[in-house]
N, C-alpha and C. Protein backbone atom coordinates (compact mmCIF):
# COMPACT_ATOMS: atom_id res chain seq x y z
N MET A 1 -29.43 -8.14 -9.59
CA MET A 1 -28.79 -8.31 -10.87
C MET A 1 -27.34 -8.71 -10.67
N MET A 2 -26.94 -9.79 -11.24
CA MET A 2 -25.56 -10.26 -11.14
C MET A 2 -24.74 -9.66 -12.27
N LEU A 3 -23.54 -9.18 -11.93
CA LEU A 3 -22.65 -8.65 -12.95
C LEU A 3 -21.74 -9.75 -13.45
N GLY A 4 -21.47 -9.72 -14.73
CA GLY A 4 -20.52 -10.67 -15.30
C GLY A 4 -19.11 -10.24 -14.99
N ALA A 5 -18.14 -11.06 -15.36
CA ALA A 5 -16.74 -10.78 -15.07
C ALA A 5 -16.29 -9.48 -15.73
N GLN A 6 -16.73 -9.22 -16.95
CA GLN A 6 -16.32 -8.00 -17.65
C GLN A 6 -16.89 -6.76 -16.97
N GLU A 7 -18.16 -6.83 -16.55
CA GLU A 7 -18.76 -5.69 -15.88
C GLU A 7 -18.10 -5.43 -14.53
N THR A 8 -17.78 -6.51 -13.80
CA THR A 8 -17.10 -6.36 -12.52
C THR A 8 -15.73 -5.75 -12.70
N ASP A 9 -14.97 -6.22 -13.71
CA ASP A 9 -13.65 -5.65 -13.99
C ASP A 9 -13.75 -4.18 -14.38
N ALA A 10 -14.77 -3.84 -15.17
CA ALA A 10 -14.96 -2.45 -15.59
C ALA A 10 -15.26 -1.57 -14.39
N ALA A 11 -16.09 -2.05 -13.47
CA ALA A 11 -16.42 -1.28 -12.27
C ALA A 11 -15.19 -1.10 -11.38
N THR A 12 -14.40 -2.15 -11.23
CA THR A 12 -13.18 -2.08 -10.44
C THR A 12 -12.19 -1.10 -11.07
N ASN A 13 -12.04 -1.17 -12.38
CA ASN A 13 -11.13 -0.26 -13.08
C ASN A 13 -11.59 1.18 -12.96
N ALA A 14 -12.91 1.42 -13.03
CA ALA A 14 -13.44 2.77 -12.90
C ALA A 14 -13.16 3.33 -11.50
N ALA A 15 -13.34 2.50 -10.46
CA ALA A 15 -13.07 2.95 -9.09
C ALA A 15 -11.58 3.25 -8.91
N ALA A 16 -10.73 2.40 -9.47
CA ALA A 16 -9.28 2.62 -9.37
C ALA A 16 -8.88 3.90 -10.10
N ALA A 17 -9.46 4.13 -11.28
CA ALA A 17 -9.16 5.34 -12.04
C ALA A 17 -9.60 6.58 -11.28
N ALA A 18 -10.76 6.52 -10.62
CA ALA A 18 -11.23 7.66 -9.83
C ALA A 18 -10.29 7.94 -8.68
N ALA A 19 -9.81 6.89 -8.02
CA ALA A 19 -8.88 7.07 -6.90
C ALA A 19 -7.56 7.66 -7.38
N LEU A 20 -7.06 7.20 -8.54
CA LEU A 20 -5.82 7.74 -9.08
C LEU A 20 -5.98 9.19 -9.49
N THR A 21 -7.13 9.54 -10.04
CA THR A 21 -7.39 10.92 -10.43
C THR A 21 -7.37 11.82 -9.20
N LEU A 22 -8.00 11.38 -8.12
CA LEU A 22 -8.00 12.17 -6.88
C LEU A 22 -6.59 12.32 -6.34
N ALA A 23 -5.82 11.24 -6.38
CA ALA A 23 -4.44 11.29 -5.87
C ALA A 23 -3.59 12.22 -6.72
N ALA A 24 -3.75 12.16 -8.05
CA ALA A 24 -2.96 13.00 -8.95
C ALA A 24 -3.30 14.47 -8.76
N ALA A 25 -4.55 14.75 -8.40
CA ALA A 25 -4.98 16.13 -8.19
C ALA A 25 -4.55 16.66 -6.83
N GLY A 26 -3.95 15.81 -6.01
CA GLY A 26 -3.51 16.23 -4.69
C GLY A 26 -4.62 16.20 -3.65
N THR A 27 -5.72 15.58 -3.98
CA THR A 27 -6.84 15.50 -3.06
C THR A 27 -6.53 14.49 -1.98
N THR A 28 -6.69 14.88 -0.73
CA THR A 28 -6.43 13.94 0.36
C THR A 28 -7.70 13.29 0.85
N GLN A 29 -8.86 13.82 0.48
CA GLN A 29 -10.12 13.23 0.90
C GLN A 29 -10.60 12.27 -0.18
N VAL A 30 -10.75 11.02 0.19
CA VAL A 30 -11.23 9.99 -0.72
C VAL A 30 -12.50 9.44 -0.12
N SER A 31 -13.49 9.19 -0.97
CA SER A 31 -14.76 8.68 -0.45
C SER A 31 -14.54 7.35 0.24
N PRO A 32 -15.36 7.04 1.27
CA PRO A 32 -15.22 5.76 1.97
C PRO A 32 -15.33 4.57 1.04
N ALA A 33 -16.12 4.68 -0.02
CA ALA A 33 -16.25 3.57 -0.96
C ALA A 33 -14.94 3.28 -1.65
N LEU A 34 -14.13 4.32 -1.90
CA LEU A 34 -12.84 4.11 -2.57
C LEU A 34 -11.74 3.79 -1.58
N ALA A 35 -11.80 4.37 -0.39
CA ALA A 35 -10.74 4.19 0.59
C ALA A 35 -10.93 2.97 1.46
N GLY A 36 -12.13 2.42 1.52
CA GLY A 36 -12.38 1.26 2.36
C GLY A 36 -12.93 1.64 3.71
N SER A 37 -12.50 2.77 4.25
CA SER A 37 -13.00 3.23 5.54
C SER A 37 -12.68 4.71 5.69
N ALA A 38 -13.61 5.44 6.25
CA ALA A 38 -13.41 6.89 6.42
C ALA A 38 -12.35 7.18 7.48
N ASN A 39 -12.04 6.22 8.34
CA ASN A 39 -11.08 6.44 9.42
C ASN A 39 -9.64 6.11 9.03
N GLN A 40 -9.42 5.60 7.84
CA GLN A 40 -8.06 5.29 7.42
C GLN A 40 -7.32 6.57 7.05
N LYS A 41 -6.04 6.62 7.41
CA LYS A 41 -5.28 7.80 7.01
C LYS A 41 -4.72 7.58 5.61
N ASP A 42 -4.54 8.68 4.91
CA ASP A 42 -4.07 8.64 3.53
C ASP A 42 -2.58 8.31 3.50
N THR A 43 -2.22 7.18 2.90
CA THR A 43 -0.82 6.76 2.81
C THR A 43 -0.30 6.85 1.38
N THR A 44 -0.97 7.64 0.55
CA THR A 44 -0.59 7.76 -0.86
C THR A 44 0.88 8.12 -1.02
N TRP A 45 1.37 9.03 -0.20
CA TRP A 45 2.74 9.51 -0.37
C TRP A 45 3.72 8.90 0.62
N THR A 46 3.26 8.03 1.51
CA THR A 46 4.15 7.49 2.54
C THR A 46 4.32 5.99 2.49
N LYS A 47 3.52 5.26 1.73
CA LYS A 47 3.61 3.80 1.69
C LYS A 47 4.30 3.36 0.41
N LEU A 48 5.30 2.51 0.56
CA LEU A 48 6.08 2.04 -0.58
C LEU A 48 6.01 0.52 -0.71
N PHE A 49 5.87 0.06 -1.93
CA PHE A 49 5.96 -1.37 -2.24
C PHE A 49 7.42 -1.70 -2.45
N VAL A 50 7.86 -2.81 -1.87
CA VAL A 50 9.24 -3.27 -2.05
C VAL A 50 9.16 -4.71 -2.55
N GLY A 51 9.60 -4.93 -3.79
CA GLY A 51 9.53 -6.26 -4.38
C GLY A 51 10.90 -6.88 -4.56
N GLY A 52 10.90 -8.15 -4.90
CA GLY A 52 12.15 -8.86 -5.16
C GLY A 52 12.96 -9.13 -3.90
N LEU A 53 12.29 -9.25 -2.78
CA LEU A 53 13.01 -9.49 -1.52
C LEU A 53 13.46 -10.94 -1.43
N PRO A 54 14.64 -11.18 -0.85
CA PRO A 54 15.03 -12.56 -0.58
C PRO A 54 14.03 -13.20 0.39
N TYR A 55 13.84 -14.48 0.29
CA TYR A 55 12.83 -15.14 1.11
C TYR A 55 13.18 -15.18 2.60
N HIS A 56 14.42 -14.90 2.95
CA HIS A 56 14.80 -14.88 4.36
C HIS A 56 14.60 -13.50 5.00
N THR A 57 14.09 -12.52 4.25
CA THR A 57 13.86 -11.18 4.77
C THR A 57 12.75 -11.18 5.81
N THR A 58 13.01 -10.50 6.92
CA THR A 58 12.01 -10.37 8.00
C THR A 58 11.56 -8.91 8.09
N ASP A 59 10.51 -8.67 8.85
CA ASP A 59 10.04 -7.31 9.08
C ASP A 59 11.17 -6.45 9.65
N LYS A 60 11.90 -7.01 10.61
CA LYS A 60 12.99 -6.26 11.26
C LYS A 60 14.12 -5.96 10.30
N SER A 61 14.52 -6.94 9.49
CA SER A 61 15.63 -6.69 8.57
C SER A 61 15.23 -5.69 7.48
N LEU A 62 13.96 -5.70 7.05
CA LEU A 62 13.48 -4.73 6.08
C LEU A 62 13.52 -3.33 6.67
N ARG A 63 13.03 -3.20 7.90
CA ARG A 63 13.04 -1.90 8.60
C ARG A 63 14.47 -1.41 8.78
N ASP A 64 15.36 -2.28 9.24
CA ASP A 64 16.75 -1.89 9.49
C ASP A 64 17.45 -1.43 8.20
N HIS A 65 17.19 -2.13 7.11
CA HIS A 65 17.84 -1.79 5.84
C HIS A 65 17.42 -0.41 5.34
N PHE A 66 16.13 -0.08 5.45
CA PHE A 66 15.64 1.19 4.92
C PHE A 66 15.69 2.32 5.93
N ALA A 67 16.08 2.07 7.16
CA ALA A 67 16.13 3.11 8.19
C ALA A 67 17.12 4.22 7.85
N VAL A 68 18.10 3.94 7.02
CA VAL A 68 19.07 4.97 6.63
C VAL A 68 18.42 6.08 5.80
N PHE A 69 17.25 5.83 5.23
CA PHE A 69 16.56 6.82 4.40
C PHE A 69 15.56 7.66 5.19
N GLY A 70 15.35 7.36 6.46
CA GLY A 70 14.42 8.11 7.30
C GLY A 70 13.70 7.19 8.26
N ASP A 71 12.86 7.80 9.07
CA ASP A 71 12.11 7.04 10.07
C ASP A 71 11.04 6.19 9.39
N ILE A 72 10.96 4.94 9.80
CA ILE A 72 9.99 3.99 9.25
C ILE A 72 8.90 3.79 10.29
N GLU A 73 7.65 4.04 9.88
CA GLU A 73 6.52 3.82 10.79
C GLU A 73 6.16 2.34 10.84
N GLU A 74 6.22 1.69 9.68
CA GLU A 74 5.83 0.28 9.62
C GLU A 74 6.60 -0.39 8.50
N ALA A 75 7.05 -1.61 8.75
CA ALA A 75 7.70 -2.43 7.73
C ALA A 75 7.10 -3.83 7.82
N VAL A 76 6.53 -4.29 6.71
CA VAL A 76 5.83 -5.58 6.72
C VAL A 76 6.27 -6.39 5.51
N VAL A 77 6.73 -7.61 5.77
CA VAL A 77 7.01 -8.57 4.71
C VAL A 77 5.78 -9.46 4.60
N ILE A 78 5.23 -9.59 3.41
CA ILE A 78 4.02 -10.38 3.20
C ILE A 78 4.40 -11.86 3.18
N THR A 79 3.67 -12.65 3.97
CA THR A 79 3.96 -14.07 4.09
C THR A 79 2.76 -14.91 3.63
N ASP A 80 3.06 -16.13 3.24
CA ASP A 80 2.02 -17.09 2.87
C ASP A 80 1.29 -17.51 4.14
N ARG A 81 -0.03 -17.55 4.09
CA ARG A 81 -0.81 -17.87 5.28
C ARG A 81 -0.62 -19.31 5.75
N GLN A 82 -0.43 -20.22 4.82
CA GLN A 82 -0.32 -21.62 5.20
C GLN A 82 1.08 -21.99 5.65
N THR A 83 2.09 -21.51 4.93
CA THR A 83 3.46 -21.91 5.26
C THR A 83 4.19 -20.90 6.14
N ASN A 84 3.65 -19.68 6.23
CA ASN A 84 4.26 -18.58 6.98
C ASN A 84 5.63 -18.18 6.42
N LYS A 85 5.89 -18.53 5.16
CA LYS A 85 7.14 -18.13 4.50
C LYS A 85 6.92 -16.85 3.71
N SER A 86 7.97 -16.07 3.55
CA SER A 86 7.90 -14.83 2.80
C SER A 86 7.45 -15.08 1.37
N ARG A 87 6.66 -14.15 0.84
CA ARG A 87 6.23 -14.23 -0.56
C ARG A 87 7.13 -13.39 -1.45
N GLY A 88 8.18 -12.78 -0.89
CA GLY A 88 9.16 -12.06 -1.69
C GLY A 88 8.86 -10.58 -1.91
N TYR A 89 7.87 -10.04 -1.18
CA TYR A 89 7.60 -8.62 -1.28
C TYR A 89 7.06 -8.11 0.05
N GLY A 90 7.04 -6.79 0.17
CA GLY A 90 6.55 -6.19 1.40
C GLY A 90 6.22 -4.73 1.19
N PHE A 91 5.91 -4.05 2.28
CA PHE A 91 5.54 -2.64 2.25
C PHE A 91 6.24 -1.89 3.36
N LEU A 92 6.63 -0.66 3.07
CA LEU A 92 7.21 0.25 4.06
C LEU A 92 6.29 1.45 4.18
N GLN A 93 6.08 1.91 5.38
CA GLN A 93 5.35 3.17 5.56
C GLN A 93 6.27 4.12 6.28
N LEU A 94 6.56 5.23 5.62
CA LEU A 94 7.45 6.24 6.17
C LEU A 94 6.69 7.15 7.12
N VAL A 95 7.41 7.75 8.07
CA VAL A 95 6.80 8.72 8.97
C VAL A 95 6.55 9.99 8.17
N ALA A 96 5.31 10.44 8.12
CA ALA A 96 4.90 11.55 7.25
C ALA A 96 5.56 12.88 7.64
N GLU A 97 5.86 13.11 8.91
CA GLU A 97 6.43 14.38 9.35
C GLU A 97 7.82 14.62 8.76
N ASN A 98 8.50 13.56 8.36
CA ASN A 98 9.87 13.70 7.85
C ASN A 98 9.93 13.95 6.35
N LEU A 99 8.80 13.95 5.66
CA LEU A 99 8.79 14.12 4.22
C LEU A 99 8.76 15.60 3.85
N ASP A 100 9.52 15.96 2.82
CA ASP A 100 9.49 17.33 2.30
C ASP A 100 8.36 17.41 1.28
N ASN A 101 7.59 18.47 1.34
CA ASN A 101 6.49 18.66 0.36
C ASN A 101 6.97 19.30 -0.88
């Protein structure tokens, strides 16, 4: 049975809502269907989206800029696959041991 666009969107929204509910409840265990893989670690509280970056921003400059706020496990600027130029946003993952609960 093929799902139409509305049914697919509804299913995606339901899965996202379930994941947000688990995160809001403080649950760290997420089903593999929602998390993508059972071996992934939960980055709900350690991964940050950073938008509005200048196009000359590199992974290193992003890491260096935010290092004053704590240890950075990973800093990634998202680039276009064809041109390899920055898309103007990225992600930071903080070291979890340094976070206060």
